[in-house]
PDB file of all heavy atoms in Angstrom:
ATOM      1  N   ARG A   1      -9.605   9.082  -7.437  1.00  0.00           N
ATOM      2  CA  ARG A   1     -10.560   9.893  -6.727  1.00  0.00           C
ATOM      3  C   ARG A   1     -11.959   9.362  -6.971  1.00  0.00           C
ATOM      4  O   ARG A   1     -12.799   9.284  -6.040  1.00  0.00           O
ATOM      5  CB  ARG A   1     -10.451  11.330  -7.155  1.00  0.00           C
ATOM      6  CG  ARG A   1     -11.366  12.300  -6.449  1.00  0.00           C
ATOM      7  CD  ARG A   1     -11.387  13.663  -7.122  1.00  0.00           C
ATOM      8  NE  ARG A   1     -11.988  13.581  -8.491  1.00  0.00           N
ATOM      9  CZ  ARG A   1     -11.927  14.545  -9.363  1.00  0.00           C
ATOM     10  NH1 ARG A   1     -11.259  15.662  -9.111  1.00  0.00           N
ATOM     11  NH2 ARG A   1     -12.488  14.431 -10.552  1.00  0.00           N
ATOM     12  N   ASP A   2     -12.244   8.982  -8.218  1.00  0.00           N
ATOM     13  CA  ASP A   2     -13.667   8.648  -8.535  1.00  0.00           C
ATOM     14  C   ASP A   2     -13.995   7.184  -8.239  1.00  0.00           C
ATOM     15  O   ASP A   2     -15.176   6.883  -7.974  1.00  0.00           O
ATOM     16  CB  ASP A   2     -13.873   8.905 -10.056  1.00  0.00           C
ATOM     17  CG  ASP A   2     -13.808  10.367 -10.421  1.00  0.00           C
ATOM     18  OD1 ASP A   2     -13.949  11.189  -9.510  1.00  0.00           O
ATOM     19  OD2 ASP A   2     -13.547  10.660 -11.605  1.00  0.00           O
ATOM     20  N   CYS A   3     -12.989   6.303  -8.316  1.00  0.00           N
ATOM     21  CA  CYS A   3     -13.329   4.869  -8.184  1.00  0.00           C
ATOM     22  C   CYS A   3     -12.862   4.219  -6.882  1.00  0.00           C
ATOM     23  O   CYS A   3     -13.465   3.246  -6.421  1.00  0.00           O
ATOM     24  CB  CYS A   3     -12.719   4.080  -9.333  1.00  0.00           C
ATOM     25  SG  CYS A   3     -13.263   4.587 -10.961  1.00  0.00           S
ATOM     26  N   ALA A   4     -11.813   4.768  -6.298  1.00  0.00           N
ATOM     27  CA  ALA A   4     -11.297   4.180  -5.046  1.00  0.00           C
ATOM     28  C   ALA A   4     -10.809   5.270  -4.100  1.00  0.00           C
ATOM     29  O   ALA A   4      -9.634   5.295  -3.665  1.00  0.00           O
ATOM     30  CB  ALA A   4     -10.155   3.244  -5.357  1.00  0.00           C
ATOM     31  N   PRO A   5     -11.686   6.134  -3.711  1.00  0.00           N
ATOM     32  CA  PRO A   5     -11.266   7.252  -2.815  1.00  0.00           C
ATOM     33  C   PRO A   5     -10.815   6.732  -1.427  1.00  0.00           C
ATOM     34  O   PRO A   5     -10.060   7.453  -0.753  1.00  0.00           O
ATOM     35  CB  PRO A   5     -12.519   8.128  -2.684  1.00  0.00           C
ATOM     36  CG  PRO A   5     -13.654   7.195  -3.011  1.00  0.00           C
ATOM     37  CD  PRO A   5     -13.121   6.206  -4.002  1.00  0.00           C
ATOM     38  N   ASP A   6     -11.229   5.540  -1.053  1.00  0.00           N
ATOM     39  CA  ASP A   6     -10.868   5.000   0.261  1.00  0.00           C
ATOM     40  C   ASP A   6      -9.612   4.092   0.157  1.00  0.00           C
ATOM     41  O   ASP A   6      -9.243   3.493   1.190  1.00  0.00           O
ATOM     42  CB  ASP A   6     -12.006   4.229   0.886  1.00  0.00           C
ATOM     43  CG  ASP A   6     -12.508   3.088  -0.017  1.00  0.00           C
ATOM     44  OD1 ASP A   6     -12.215   3.142  -1.259  1.00  0.00           O
ATOM     45  OD2 ASP A   6     -13.180   2.163   0.512  1.00  0.00           O
ATOM     46  N   ALA A   7      -9.036   3.949  -1.020  1.00  0.00           N
ATOM     47  CA  ALA A   7      -7.857   3.132  -1.162  1.00  0.00           C
ATOM     48  C   ALA A   7      -6.669   3.668  -0.394  1.00  0.00           C
ATOM     49  O   ALA A   7      -6.541   4.887  -0.290  1.00  0.00           O
ATOM     50  CB  ALA A   7      -7.514   2.980  -2.631  1.00  0.00           C
ATOM     51  N   ARG A   8      -5.903   2.840   0.173  1.00  0.00           N
ATOM     52  CA  ARG A   8      -4.715   3.202   0.893  1.00  0.00           C
ATOM     53  C   ARG A   8      -3.539   3.345  -0.069  1.00  0.00           C
ATOM     54  O   ARG A   8      -3.353   2.526  -0.932  1.00  0.00           O
ATOM     55  CB  ARG A   8      -4.403   2.165   1.971  1.00  0.00           C
ATOM     56  CG  ARG A   8      -3.193   2.450   2.866  1.00  0.00           C
ATOM     57  CD  ARG A   8      -3.207   1.486   4.070  1.00  0.00           C
ATOM     58  NE  ARG A   8      -1.919   1.531   4.754  1.00  0.00           N
ATOM     59  CZ  ARG A   8      -1.044   0.498   4.662  1.00  0.00           C
ATOM     60  NH1 ARG A   8      -1.293  -0.537   3.915  1.00  0.00           N
ATOM     61  NH2 ARG A   8       0.115   0.594   5.317  1.00  0.00           N
ATOM     62  N   VAL A   9      -2.769   4.446   0.048  1.00  0.00           N
ATOM     63  CA  VAL A   9      -1.576   4.652  -0.796  1.00  0.00           C
ATOM     64  C   VAL A   9      -0.397   4.744   0.096  1.00  0.00           C
ATOM     65  O   VAL A   9      -0.279   5.587   0.987  1.00  0.00           O
ATOM     66  CB  VAL A   9      -1.717   5.907  -1.680  1.00  0.00           C
ATOM     67  CG1 VAL A   9      -0.496   6.093  -2.541  1.00  0.00           C
ATOM     68  CG2 VAL A   9      -2.987   5.897  -2.527  1.00  0.00           C
ATOM     69  N   VAL A  10       0.572   3.821  -0.145  1.00  0.00           N
ATOM     70  CA  VAL A  10       1.797   3.779   0.642  1.00  0.00           C
ATOM     71  C   VAL A  10       2.939   4.354  -0.218  1.00  0.00           C
ATOM     72  O   VAL A  10       3.211   3.819  -1.318  1.00  0.00           O
ATOM     73  CB  VAL A  10       2.116   2.352   1.038  1.00  0.00           C
ATOM     74  CG1 VAL A  10       3.462   2.301   1.839  1.00  0.00           C
ATOM     75  CG2 VAL A  10       1.016   1.790   1.932  1.00  0.00           C
ATOM     76  N   ILE A  11       3.563   5.402   0.235  1.00  0.00           N
ATOM     77  CA  ILE A  11       4.671   6.010  -0.524  1.00  0.00           C
ATOM     78  C   ILE A  11       5.990   5.415  -0.022  1.00  0.00           C
ATOM     79  O   ILE A  11       6.296   5.368   1.192  1.00  0.00           O
ATOM     80  CB  ILE A  11       4.733   7.549  -0.336  1.00  0.00           C
ATOM     81  CG1 ILE A  11       3.470   8.156  -0.944  1.00  0.00           C
ATOM     82  CG2 ILE A  11       5.952   8.144  -0.922  1.00  0.00           C
ATOM     83  CD1 ILE A  11       3.418   8.041  -2.448  1.00  0.00           C
ATOM     84  N   GLY A  12       6.760   4.951  -0.966  1.00  0.00           N
ATOM     85  CA  GLY A  12       8.070   4.345  -0.649  1.00  0.00           C
ATOM     86  C   GLY A  12       8.298   3.127  -1.566  1.00  0.00           C
ATOM     87  O   GLY A  12       7.438   2.751  -2.346  1.00  0.00           O
ATOM     88  N   ASP A  13       9.468   2.501  -1.467  1.00  0.00           N
ATOM     89  CA  ASP A  13       9.788   1.352  -2.271  1.00  0.00           C
ATOM     90  C   ASP A  13       8.866   0.184  -1.889  1.00  0.00           C
ATOM     91  O   ASP A  13       8.715  -0.165  -0.738  1.00  0.00           O
ATOM     92  CB  ASP A  13      11.243   0.942  -2.038  1.00  0.00           C
ATOM     93  CG  ASP A  13      11.654  -0.199  -2.971  1.00  0.00           C
ATOM     94  OD1 ASP A  13      11.413  -1.355  -2.581  1.00  0.00           O
ATOM     95  OD2 ASP A  13      12.216   0.093  -4.043  1.00  0.00           O
ATOM     96  N   ALA A  14       8.180  -0.382  -2.884  1.00  0.00           N
ATOM     97  CA  ALA A  14       7.173  -1.406  -2.615  1.00  0.00           C
ATOM     98  C   ALA A  14       7.742  -2.659  -1.970  1.00  0.00           C
ATOM     99  O   ALA A  14       7.128  -3.244  -1.065  1.00  0.00           O
ATOM    100  CB  ALA A  14       6.491  -1.795  -3.917  1.00  0.00           C
ATOM    101  N   ARG A  15       8.922  -2.998  -2.350  1.00  0.00           N
ATOM    102  CA  ARG A  15       9.545  -4.215  -1.764  1.00  0.00           C
ATOM    103  C   ARG A  15       9.770  -4.036  -0.284  1.00  0.00           C
ATOM    104  O   ARG A  15       9.447  -4.943   0.501  1.00  0.00           O
ATOM    105  CB  ARG A  15      10.872  -4.519  -2.484  1.00  0.00           C
ATOM    106  CG  ARG A  15      11.608  -5.651  -1.870  1.00  0.00           C
ATOM    107  CD  ARG A  15      12.792  -6.136  -2.720  1.00  0.00           C
ATOM    108  NE  ARG A  15      13.725  -6.828  -1.900  1.00  0.00           N
ATOM    109  CZ  ARG A  15      14.816  -7.427  -2.376  1.00  0.00           C
ATOM    110  NH1 ARG A  15      15.055  -7.409  -3.699  1.00  0.00           N
ATOM    111  NH2 ARG A  15      15.648  -8.048  -1.573  1.00  0.00           N
ATOM    112  N   ILE A  16      10.263  -2.885   0.135  1.00  0.00           N
ATOM    113  CA  ILE A  16      10.465  -2.632   1.576  1.00  0.00           C
ATOM    114  C   ILE A  16       9.132  -2.575   2.308  1.00  0.00           C
ATOM    115  O   ILE A  16       8.992  -3.098   3.409  1.00  0.00           O
ATOM    116  CB  ILE A  16      11.284  -1.318   1.737  1.00  0.00           C
ATOM    117  CG1 ILE A  16      12.670  -1.492   1.103  1.00  0.00           C
ATOM    118  CG2 ILE A  16      11.382  -0.957   3.214  1.00  0.00           C
ATOM    119  CD1 ILE A  16      13.490  -0.244   1.124  1.00  0.00           C
ATOM    120  N   SER A  17       8.154  -1.841   1.651  1.00  0.00           N
ATOM    121  CA  SER A  17       6.849  -1.747   2.282  1.00  0.00           C
ATOM    122  C   SER A  17       6.198  -3.100   2.474  1.00  0.00           C
ATOM    123  O   SER A  17       5.594  -3.398   3.539  1.00  0.00           O
ATOM    124  CB  SER A  17       5.953  -0.822   1.466  1.00  0.00           C
ATOM    125  OG  SER A  17       6.524   0.448   1.320  1.00  0.00           O
ATOM    126  N   LEU A  18       6.258  -3.976   1.464  1.00  0.00           N
ATOM    127  CA  LEU A  18       5.636  -5.293   1.557  1.00  0.00           C
ATOM    128  C   LEU A  18       6.347  -6.152   2.559  1.00  0.00           C
ATOM    129  O   LEU A  18       5.717  -7.045   3.229  1.00  0.00           O
ATOM    130  CB  LEU A  18       5.626  -5.962   0.163  1.00  0.00           C
ATOM    131  CG  LEU A  18       4.570  -5.401  -0.791  1.00  0.00           C
ATOM    132  CD1 LEU A  18       4.855  -5.969  -2.241  1.00  0.00           C
ATOM    133  CD2 LEU A  18       3.190  -5.804  -0.362  1.00  0.00           C
ATOM    134  N   ALA A  19       7.655  -5.999   2.681  1.00  0.00           N
ATOM    135  CA  ALA A  19       8.405  -6.816   3.687  1.00  0.00           C
ATOM    136  C   ALA A  19       7.954  -6.504   5.109  1.00  0.00           C
ATOM    137  O   ALA A  19       8.053  -7.370   5.985  1.00  0.00           O
ATOM    138  CB  ALA A  19       9.875  -6.509   3.525  1.00  0.00           C
ATOM    139  N   HIS A  20       7.455  -5.297   5.325  1.00  0.00           N
ATOM    140  CA  HIS A  20       6.970  -4.938   6.644  1.00  0.00           C
ATOM    141  C   HIS A  20       5.429  -5.097   6.819  1.00  0.00           C
ATOM    142  O   HIS A  20       4.934  -4.782   7.875  1.00  0.00           O
ATOM    143  CB  HIS A  20       7.363  -3.503   7.012  1.00  0.00           C
ATOM    144  CG  HIS A  20       8.871  -3.297   7.148  1.00  0.00           C
ATOM    145  ND1 HIS A  20       9.657  -2.958   6.107  1.00  0.00           N
ATOM    146  CD2 HIS A  20       9.704  -3.460   8.228  1.00  0.00           C
ATOM    147  CE1 HIS A  20      10.926  -2.847   6.499  1.00  0.00           C
ATOM    148  NE2 HIS A  20      10.962  -3.179   7.790  1.00  0.00           N
ATOM    149  N   ALA A  21       4.739  -5.472   5.745  1.00  0.00           N
ATOM    150  CA  ALA A  21       3.346  -5.677   5.771  1.00  0.00           C
ATOM    151  C   ALA A  21       2.954  -7.002   6.459  1.00  0.00           C
ATOM    152  O   ALA A  21       3.777  -7.943   6.478  1.00  0.00           O
ATOM    153  CB  ALA A  21       2.721  -5.593   4.387  1.00  0.00           C
ATOM    154  N   PRO A  22       1.742  -7.150   6.986  1.00  0.00           N
ATOM    155  CA  PRO A  22       1.360  -8.430   7.603  1.00  0.00           C
ATOM    156  C   PRO A  22       1.411  -9.593   6.586  1.00  0.00           C
ATOM    157  O   PRO A  22       1.073  -9.406   5.400  1.00  0.00           O
ATOM    158  CB  PRO A  22      -0.070  -8.180   8.020  1.00  0.00           C
ATOM    159  CG  PRO A  22      -0.186  -6.661   8.152  1.00  0.00           C
ATOM    160  CD  PRO A  22       0.711  -6.106   7.095  1.00  0.00           C
ATOM    161  N   ALA A  23       1.875 -10.721   7.035  1.00  0.00           N
ATOM    162  CA  ALA A  23       1.936 -11.920   6.150  1.00  0.00           C
ATOM    163  C   ALA A  23       0.538 -12.334   5.749  1.00  0.00           C
ATOM    164  O   ALA A  23      -0.393 -12.280   6.559  1.00  0.00           O
ATOM    165  CB  ALA A  23       2.641 -13.039   6.883  1.00  0.00           C
ATOM    166  N   GLY A  24       0.373 -12.768   4.497  1.00  0.00           N
ATOM    167  CA  GLY A  24      -0.878 -13.240   4.023  1.00  0.00           C
ATOM    168  C   GLY A  24      -1.929 -12.118   3.870  1.00  0.00           C
ATOM    169  O   GLY A  24      -3.132 -12.427   3.841  1.00  0.00           O
TER     170      GLY A  24
END
């Protein structure tokens, strides 16, 4: 809250989330 209030938080297994994220 204090340091990165604009950070995006993705709920779910990170490996699956990263597999669907844009390359690079």
